[in-house]
Amino acid sequence: MDDVVTQLRGAIAGGDRERARLLLHPYLQWSPPDGTVVRGRAEVLALLRDGPVPEPPVSAALRDGQVYRWVCPPAG
């Protein structure tokens, strides 16, 4: 799990959108620091494109070797 998280954060930091896409499950559920839920790989990639590299998650799950669920630390 930690390896995939590290790879994803590195891909985002390096602007490697294709690598990031391959690490994210198509039916991904992403919870940003504000506690909302963003569903779907394309929507999450759009969110990540405009923001900073996410902090390591407080909770995450993999499915088929891809990030399926990611919960960011709460804001503040």
PDB file of N, CA and C in Angstrom:
ATOM      1  N   MET A   1       0.825  -1.195   0.000  1.00  0.00           N
ATOM      2  CA  MET A   1       0.000   0.000   0.000  1.00  0.00           C
ATOM      3  C   MET A   1       0.867   1.256   0.000  1.00  0.00           C
ATOM      4  N   ASP A   2       1.833   1.327   0.924  1.00  0.00           N
ATOM      5  CA  ASP A   2       2.679   2.519   1.013  1.00  0.00           C
ATOM      6  C   ASP A   2       3.415   2.780  -0.289  1.00  0.00           C
ATOM      7  N   ASP A   3       3.816   1.711  -0.982  1.00  0.00           N
ATOM      8  CA  ASP A   3       4.532   1.858  -2.232  1.00  0.00           C
ATOM      9  C   ASP A   3       3.658   2.533  -3.290  1.00  0.00           C
ATOM     10  N   VAL A   4       2.417   2.124  -3.382  1.00  0.00           N
ATOM     11  CA  VAL A   4       1.504   2.714  -4.369  1.00  0.00           C
ATOM     12  C   VAL A   4       1.224   4.174  -4.015  1.00  0.00           C
ATOM     13  N   VAL A   5       1.048   4.469  -2.731  1.00  0.00           N
ATOM     14  CA  VAL A   5       0.829   5.845  -2.282  1.00  0.00           C
ATOM     15  C   VAL A   5       2.033   6.702  -2.649  1.00  0.00           C
ATOM     16  N   THR A   6       3.230   6.208  -2.383  1.00  0.00           N
ATOM     17  CA  THR A   6       4.462   6.939  -2.714  1.00  0.00           C
ATOM     18  C   THR A   6       4.582   7.159  -4.211  1.00  0.00           C
ATOM     19  N   GLN A   7       4.284   6.129  -4.995  1.00  0.00           N
ATOM     20  CA  GLN A   7       4.343   6.250  -6.450  1.00  0.00           C
ATOM     21  C   GLN A   7       3.346   7.291  -6.955  1.00  0.00           C
ATOM     22  N   LEU A   8       2.139   7.274  -6.417  1.00  0.00           N
ATOM     23  CA  LEU A   8       1.116   8.221  -6.848  1.00  0.00           C
ATOM     24  C   LEU A   8       1.518   9.648  -6.504  1.00  0.00           C
ATOM     25  N   ARG A   9       1.967   9.877  -5.281  1.00  0.00           N
ATOM     26  CA  ARG A   9       2.375  11.223  -4.890  1.00  0.00           C
ATOM     27  C   ARG A   9       3.541  11.705  -5.744  1.00  0.00           C
ATOM     28  N   GLY A  10       4.475  10.804  -6.086  1.00  0.00           N
ATOM     29  CA  GLY A  10       5.601  11.161  -6.943  1.00  0.00           C
ATOM     30  C   GLY A  10       5.158  11.511  -8.348  1.00  0.00           C
ATOM     31  N   ALA A  11       4.210  10.743  -8.883  1.00  0.00           N
ATOM     32  CA  ALA A  11       3.697  11.017 -10.228  1.00  0.00           C
ATOM     33  C   ALA A  11       3.004  12.372 -10.266  1.00  0.00           C
ATOM     34  N   ILE A  12       2.232  12.681  -9.240  1.00  0.00           N
ATOM     35  CA  ILE A  12       1.539  13.968  -9.177  1.00  0.00           C
ATOM     36  C   ILE A  12       2.563  15.100  -9.068  1.00  0.00           C
ATOM     37  N   ALA A  13       3.545  14.933  -8.185  1.00  0.00           N
ATOM     38  CA  ALA A  13       4.574  15.966  -7.998  1.00  0.00           C
ATOM     39  C   ALA A  13       5.365  16.198  -9.280  1.00  0.00           C
ATOM     40  N   GLY A  14       5.620  15.129 -10.029  1.00  0.00           N
ATOM     41  CA  GLY A  14       6.384  15.238 -11.261  1.00  0.00           C
ATOM     42  C   GLY A  14       5.567  15.594 -12.483  1.00  0.00           C
ATOM     43  N   GLY A  15       4.270  15.780 -12.311  1.00  0.00           N
ATOM     44  CA  GLY A  15       3.413  16.130 -13.440  1.00  0.00           C
ATOM     45  C   GLY A  15       3.173  14.987 -14.415  1.00  0.00           C
ATOM     46  N   ASP A  16       3.407  13.746 -13.955  1.00  0.00           N
ATOM     47  CA  ASP A  16       3.228  12.572 -14.817  1.00  0.00           C
ATOM     48  C   ASP A  16       1.772  12.111 -14.731  1.00  0.00           C
ATOM     49  N   ARG A  17       0.928  12.779 -15.484  1.00  0.00           N
ATOM     50  CA  ARG A  17      -0.514  12.520 -15.438  1.00  0.00           C
ATOM     51  C   ARG A  17      -0.860  11.091 -15.861  1.00  0.00           C
ATOM     52  N   GLU A  18      -0.157  10.563 -16.846  1.00  0.00           N
ATOM     53  CA  GLU A  18      -0.442   9.209 -17.319  1.00  0.00           C
ATOM     54  C   GLU A  18      -0.109   8.180 -16.242  1.00  0.00           C
ATOM     55  N   ARG A  19       1.021   8.343 -15.587  1.00  0.00           N
ATOM     56  CA  ARG A  19       1.399   7.417 -14.505  1.00  0.00           C
ATOM     57  C   ARG A  19       0.376   7.498 -13.371  1.00  0.00           C
ATOM     58  N   ALA A  20      -0.026   8.717 -13.014  1.00  0.00           N
ATOM     59  CA  ALA A  20      -1.030   8.892 -11.967  1.00  0.00           C
ATOM     60  C   ALA A  20      -2.328   8.201 -12.369  1.00  0.00           C
ATOM     61  N   ARG A  21      -2.734   8.365 -13.623  1.00  0.00           N
ATOM     62  CA  ARG A  21      -3.976   7.739 -14.106  1.00  0.00           C
ATOM     63  C   ARG A  21      -3.931   6.227 -13.942  1.00  0.00           C
ATOM     64  N   LEU A  22      -2.776   5.638 -14.252  1.00  0.00           N
ATOM     65  CA  LEU A  22      -2.640   4.187 -14.145  1.00  0.00           C
ATOM     66  C   LEU A  22      -2.655   3.686 -12.704  1.00  0.00           C
ATOM     67  N   LEU A  23      -2.325   4.548 -11.767  1.00  0.00           N
ATOM     68  CA  LEU A  23      -2.317   4.165 -10.350  1.00  0.00           C
ATOM     69  C   LEU A  23      -3.680   4.343  -9.680  1.00  0.00           C
ATOM     70  N   LEU A  24      -4.607   5.013 -10.364  1.00  0.00           N
ATOM     71  CA  LEU A  24      -5.931   5.276  -9.800  1.00  0.00           C
ATOM     72  C   LEU A  24      -6.972   4.352 -10.426  1.00  0.00           C
ATOM     73  N   HIS A  25      -7.775   3.729  -9.600  1.00  0.00           N
ATOM     74  CA  HIS A  25      -8.851   2.853 -10.062  1.00  0.00           C
ATOM     75  C   HIS A  25      -9.928   3.699 -10.738  1.00  0.00           C
ATOM     76  N   PRO A  26     -10.542   3.199 -11.805  1.00  0.00           N
ATOM     77  CA  PRO A  26     -11.584   3.986 -12.495  1.00  0.00           C
ATOM     78  C   PRO A  26     -12.747   4.394 -11.597  1.00  0.00           C
ATOM     79  N   TYR A  27     -13.072   3.595 -10.591  1.00  0.00           N
ATOM     80  CA  TYR A  27     -14.206   3.886  -9.696  1.00  0.00           C
ATOM     81  C   TYR A  27     -13.735   4.421  -8.349  1.00  0.00           C
ATOM     82  N   LEU A  28     -12.654   5.142  -8.375  1.00  0.00           N
ATOM     83  CA  LEU A  28     -12.031   5.723  -7.196  1.00  0.00           C
ATOM     84  C   LEU A  28     -12.990   6.594  -6.394  1.00  0.00           C
ATOM     85  N   GLN A  29     -12.836   6.545  -5.067  1.00  0.00           N
ATOM     86  CA  GLN A  29     -13.549   7.442  -4.151  1.00  0.00           C
ATOM     87  C   GLN A  29     -12.476   8.219  -3.394  1.00  0.00           C
ATOM     88  N   TRP A  30     -12.446   9.534  -3.583  1.00  0.00           N
ATOM     89  CA  TRP A  30     -11.408  10.391  -3.029  1.00  0.00           C
ATOM     90  C   TRP A  30     -12.053  11.388  -2.087  1.00  0.00           C
ATOM     91  N   SER A  31     -11.570  11.460  -0.841  1.00  0.00           N
ATOM     92  CA  SER A  31     -12.087  12.435   0.119  1.00  0.00           C
ATOM     93  C   SER A  31     -11.019  13.490   0.366  1.00  0.00           C
ATOM     94  N   PRO A  32     -11.188  14.711  -0.191  1.00  0.00           N
ATOM     95  CA  PRO A  32     -10.233  15.789   0.043  1.00  0.00           C
ATOM     96  C   PRO A  32     -10.317  16.281   1.488  1.00  0.00           C
ATOM     97  N   PRO A  33      -9.418  17.195   1.877  1.00  0.00           N
ATOM     98  CA  PRO A  33      -9.399  17.665   3.265  1.00  0.00           C
ATOM     99  C   PRO A  33     -10.712  18.276   3.761  1.00  0.00           C
ATOM    100  N   ASP A  34     -11.563  18.758   2.870  1.00  0.00           N
ATOM    101  CA  ASP A  34     -12.829  19.360   3.314  1.00  0.00           C
ATOM    102  C   ASP A  34     -13.897  18.326   3.657  1.00  0.00           C
ATOM    103  N   GLY A  35     -13.589  17.023   3.450  1.00  0.00           N
ATOM    104  CA  GLY A  35     -14.502  15.959   3.838  1.00  0.00           C
ATOM    105  C   GLY A  35     -15.526  15.562   2.788  1.00  0.00           C
ATOM    106  N   THR A  36     -15.559  16.252   1.662  1.00  0.00           N
ATOM    107  CA  THR A  36     -16.473  15.855   0.591  1.00  0.00           C
ATOM    108  C   THR A  36     -15.949  14.573  -0.046  1.00  0.00           C
ATOM    109  N   VAL A  37     -16.694  14.018  -0.968  1.00  0.00           N
ATOM    110  CA  VAL A  37     -16.253  12.823  -1.686  1.00  0.00           C
ATOM    111  C   VAL A  37     -16.314  13.110  -3.183  1.00  0.00           C
ATOM    112  N   VAL A  38     -15.197  12.837  -3.854  1.00  0.00           N
ATOM    113  CA  VAL A  38     -15.114  12.980  -5.308  1.00  0.00           C
ATOM    114  C   VAL A  38     -15.030  11.567  -5.856  1.00  0.00           C
ATOM    115  N   ARG A  39     -15.876  11.239  -6.805  1.00  0.00           N
ATOM    116  CA  ARG A  39     -15.920   9.883  -7.353  1.00  0.00           C
ATOM    117  C   ARG A  39     -15.452   9.875  -8.803  1.00  0.00           C
ATOM    118  N   GLY A  40     -14.651   8.863  -9.124  1.00  0.00           N
ATOM    119  CA  GLY A  40     -14.212   8.655 -10.494  1.00  0.00           C
ATOM    120  C   GLY A  40     -12.811   9.191 -10.758  1.00  0.00           C
ATOM    121  N   ARG A  41     -12.055   8.418 -11.502  1.00  0.00           N
ATOM    122  CA  ARG A  41     -10.661   8.750 -11.789  1.00  0.00           C
ATOM    123  C   ARG A  41     -10.513  10.088 -12.514  1.00  0.00           C
ATOM    124  N   ALA A  42     -11.328  10.343 -13.533  1.00  0.00           N
ATOM    125  CA  ALA A  42     -11.211  11.590 -14.299  1.00  0.00           C
ATOM    126  C   ALA A  42     -11.474  12.810 -13.420  1.00  0.00           C
ATOM    127  N   GLU A  43     -12.480  12.723 -12.556  1.00  0.00           N
ATOM    128  CA  GLU A  43     -12.805  13.836 -11.669  1.00  0.00           C
ATOM    129  C   GLU A  43     -11.688  14.081 -10.665  1.00  0.00           C
ATOM    130  N   VAL A  44     -11.103  13.015 -10.144  1.00  0.00           N
ATOM    131  CA  VAL A  44     -10.008  13.153  -9.174  1.00  0.00           C
ATOM    132  C   VAL A  44      -8.769  13.730  -9.857  1.00  0.00           C
ATOM    133  N   LEU A  45      -8.463  13.275 -11.062  1.00  0.00           N
ATOM    134  CA  LEU A  45      -7.312  13.832 -11.782  1.00  0.00           C
ATOM    135  C   LEU A  45      -7.506  15.324 -12.038  1.00  0.00           C
ATOM    136  N   ALA A  46      -8.724  15.742 -12.350  1.00  0.00           N
ATOM    137  CA  ALA A  46      -8.996  17.171 -12.541  1.00  0.00           C
ATOM    138  C   ALA A  46      -8.780  17.933 -11.237  1.00  0.00           C
ATOM    139  N   LEU A  47      -9.204  17.368 -10.132  1.00  0.00           N
ATOM    140  CA  LEU A  47      -9.009  17.983  -8.822  1.00  0.00           C
ATOM    141  C   LEU A  47      -7.519  18.116  -8.504  1.00  0.00           C
ATOM    142  N   LEU A  48      -6.769  17.064  -8.768  1.00  0.00           N
ATOM    143  CA  LEU A  48      -5.345  17.055  -8.452  1.00  0.00           C
ATOM    144  C   LEU A  48      -4.543  17.971  -9.373  1.00  0.00           C
ATOM    145  N   ARG A  49      -5.014  18.163 -10.572  1.00  0.00           N
ATOM    146  CA  ARG A  49      -4.312  19.011 -11.543  1.00  0.00           C
ATOM    147  C   ARG A  49      -4.188  20.442 -11.028  1.00  0.00           C
ATOM    148  N   ASP A  50      -5.199  20.911 -10.320  1.00  0.00           N
ATOM    149  CA  ASP A  50      -5.240  22.305  -9.876  1.00  0.00           C
ATOM    150  C   ASP A  50      -4.762  22.521  -8.448  1.00  0.00           C
ATOM    151  N   GLY A  51      -4.394  21.463  -7.753  1.00  0.00           N
ATOM    152  CA  GLY A  51      -4.016  21.612  -6.356  1.00  0.00           C
ATOM    153  C   GLY A  51      -2.612  21.123  -6.068  1.00  0.00           C
ATOM    154  N   PRO A  52      -2.199  21.217  -4.814  1.00  0.00           N
ATOM    155  CA  PRO A  52      -0.882  20.722  -4.418  1.00  0.00           C
ATOM    156  C   PRO A  52      -0.871  19.195  -4.353  1.00  0.00           C
ATOM    157  N   VAL A  53       0.305  18.636  -4.217  1.00  0.00           N
ATOM    158  CA  VAL A  53       0.429  17.183  -4.036  1.00  0.00           C
ATOM    159  C   VAL A  53      -0.273  16.837  -2.725  1.00  0.00           C
ATOM    160  N   PRO A  54      -1.170  15.859  -2.754  1.00  0.00           N
ATOM    161  CA  PRO A  54      -1.890  15.528  -1.521  1.00  0.00           C
ATOM    162  C   PRO A  54      -0.962  14.941  -0.469  1.00  0.00           C
ATOM    163  N   GLU A  55      -1.298  15.216   0.776  1.00  0.00           N
ATOM    164  CA  GLU A  55      -0.592  14.601   1.898  1.00  0.00           C
ATOM    165  C   GLU A  55      -0.871  13.097   1.871  1.00  0.00           C
ATOM    166  N   PRO A  56      -0.026  12.298   2.505  1.00  0.00           N
ATOM    167  CA  PRO A  56      -0.354  10.865   2.609  1.00  0.00           C
ATOM    168  C   PRO A  56      -1.735  10.694   3.249  1.00  0.00           C
ATOM    169  N   PRO A  57      -2.479   9.714   2.798  1.00  0.00           N
ATOM    170  CA  PRO A  57      -3.847   9.541   3.300  1.00  0.00           C
ATOM    171  C   PRO A  57      -3.877   9.049   4.745  1.00  0.00           C
ATOM    172  N   VAL A  58      -4.975   9.381   5.439  1.00  0.00           N
ATOM    173  CA  VAL A  58      -5.202   8.811   6.763  1.00  0.00           C
ATOM    174  C   VAL A  58      -5.800   7.417   6.624  1.00  0.00           C
ATOM    175  N   SER A  59      -6.389   7.164   5.458  1.00  0.00           N
ATOM    176  CA  SER A  59      -6.959   5.866   5.153  1.00  0.00           C
ATOM    177  C   SER A  59      -6.938   5.702   3.635  1.00  0.00           C
ATOM    178  N   ALA A  60      -6.653   4.488   3.191  1.00  0.00           N
ATOM    179  CA  ALA A  60      -6.636   4.210   1.759  1.00  0.00           C
ATOM    180  C   ALA A  60      -6.934   2.734   1.538  1.00  0.00           C
ATOM    181  N   ALA A  61      -7.364   2.424   0.347  1.00  0.00           N
ATOM    182  CA  ALA A  61      -7.617   1.032  -0.019  1.00  0.00           C
ATOM    183  C   ALA A  61      -7.220   0.848  -1.478  1.00  0.00           C
ATOM    184  N   LEU A  62      -6.748  -0.350  -1.774  1.00  0.00           N
ATOM    185  CA  LEU A  62      -6.386  -0.701  -3.141  1.00  0.00           C
ATOM    186  C   LEU A  62      -7.373  -1.720  -3.683  1.00  0.00           C
ATOM    187  N   ARG A  63      -7.546  -1.676  -4.981  1.00  0.00           N
ATOM    188  CA  ARG A  63      -8.302  -2.707  -5.690  1.00  0.00           C
ATOM    189  C   ARG A  63      -7.555  -2.952  -6.997  1.00  0.00           C
ATOM    190  N   ASP A  64      -7.239  -4.193  -7.257  1.00  0.00           N
ATOM    191  CA  ASP A  64      -6.504  -4.558  -8.474  1.00  0.00           C
ATOM    192  C   ASP A  64      -5.186  -3.792  -8.597  1.00  0.00           C
ATOM    193  N   GLY A  65      -4.547  -3.502  -7.448  1.00  0.00           N
ATOM    194  CA  GLY A  65      -3.258  -2.816  -7.450  1.00  0.00           C
ATOM    195  C   GLY A  65      -3.331  -1.317  -7.684  1.00  0.00           C
ATOM    196  N   GLN A  66      -4.548  -0.771  -7.723  1.00  0.00           N
ATOM    197  CA  GLN A  66      -4.748   0.659  -7.930  1.00  0.00           C
ATOM    198  C   GLN A  66      -5.425   1.258  -6.708  1.00  0.00           C
ATOM    199  N   VAL A  67      -5.198   2.558  -6.497  1.00  0.00           N
ATOM    200  CA  VAL A  67      -5.865   3.246  -5.384  1.00  0.00           C
ATOM    201  C   VAL A  67      -7.361   3.284  -5.677  1.00  0.00           C
ATOM    202  N   TYR A  68      -8.135   2.717  -4.760  1.00  0.00           N
ATOM    203  CA  TYR A  68      -9.586   2.659  -4.902  1.00  0.00           C
ATOM    204  C   TYR A  68     -10.271   3.660  -3.964  1.00  0.00           C
ATOM    205  N   ARG A  69      -9.669   3.876  -2.797  1.00  0.00           N
ATOM    206  CA  ARG A  69     -10.219   4.817  -1.824  1.00  0.00           C
ATOM    207  C   ARG A  69      -9.065   5.581  -1.194  1.00  0.00           C
ATOM    208  N   TRP A  70      -9.224   6.893  -1.034  1.00  0.00           N
ATOM    209  CA  TRP A  70      -8.184   7.744  -0.461  1.00  0.00           C
ATOM    210  C   TRP A  70      -8.883   8.778   0.412  1.00  0.00           C
ATOM    211  N   VAL A  71      -8.491   8.866   1.675  1.00  0.00           N
ATOM    212  CA  VAL A  71      -9.051   9.863   2.586  1.00  0.00           C
ATOM    213  C   VAL A  71      -7.910  10.764   3.035  1.00  0.00           C
ATOM    214  N   CYS A  72      -7.984  12.032   2.617  1.00  0.00           N
ATOM    215  CA  CYS A  72      -6.966  13.007   2.984  1.00  0.00           C
ATOM    216  C   CYS A  72      -7.117  13.401   4.454  1.00  0.00           C
ATOM    217  N   PRO A  73      -6.017  13.821   5.095  1.00  0.00           N
ATOM    218  CA  PRO A  73      -6.145  14.354   6.455  1.00  0.00           C
ATOM    219  C   PRO A  73      -7.065  15.582   6.437  1.00  0.00           C
ATOM    220  N   PRO A  74      -7.828  15.785   7.508  1.00  0.00           N
ATOM    221  CA  PRO A  74      -8.726  16.938   7.539  1.00  0.00           C
ATOM    222  C   PRO A  74      -7.959  18.263   7.476  1.00  0.00           C
ATOM    223  N   ALA A  75      -8.591  19.271   6.924  1.00  0.00           N
ATOM    224  CA  ALA A  75      -7.988  20.603   6.831  1.00  0.00           C
ATOM    225  C   ALA A  75      -7.901  21.221   8.222  1.00  0.00           C
ATOM    226  N   GLY A  76      -6.866  22.027   8.393  1.00  0.00           N
ATOM    227  CA  GLY A  76      -6.779  22.836   9.590  1.00  0.00           C
ATOM    228  C   GLY A  76      -6.017  22.264  10.665  1.00  0.00           C
TER     229      GLY A  76
END
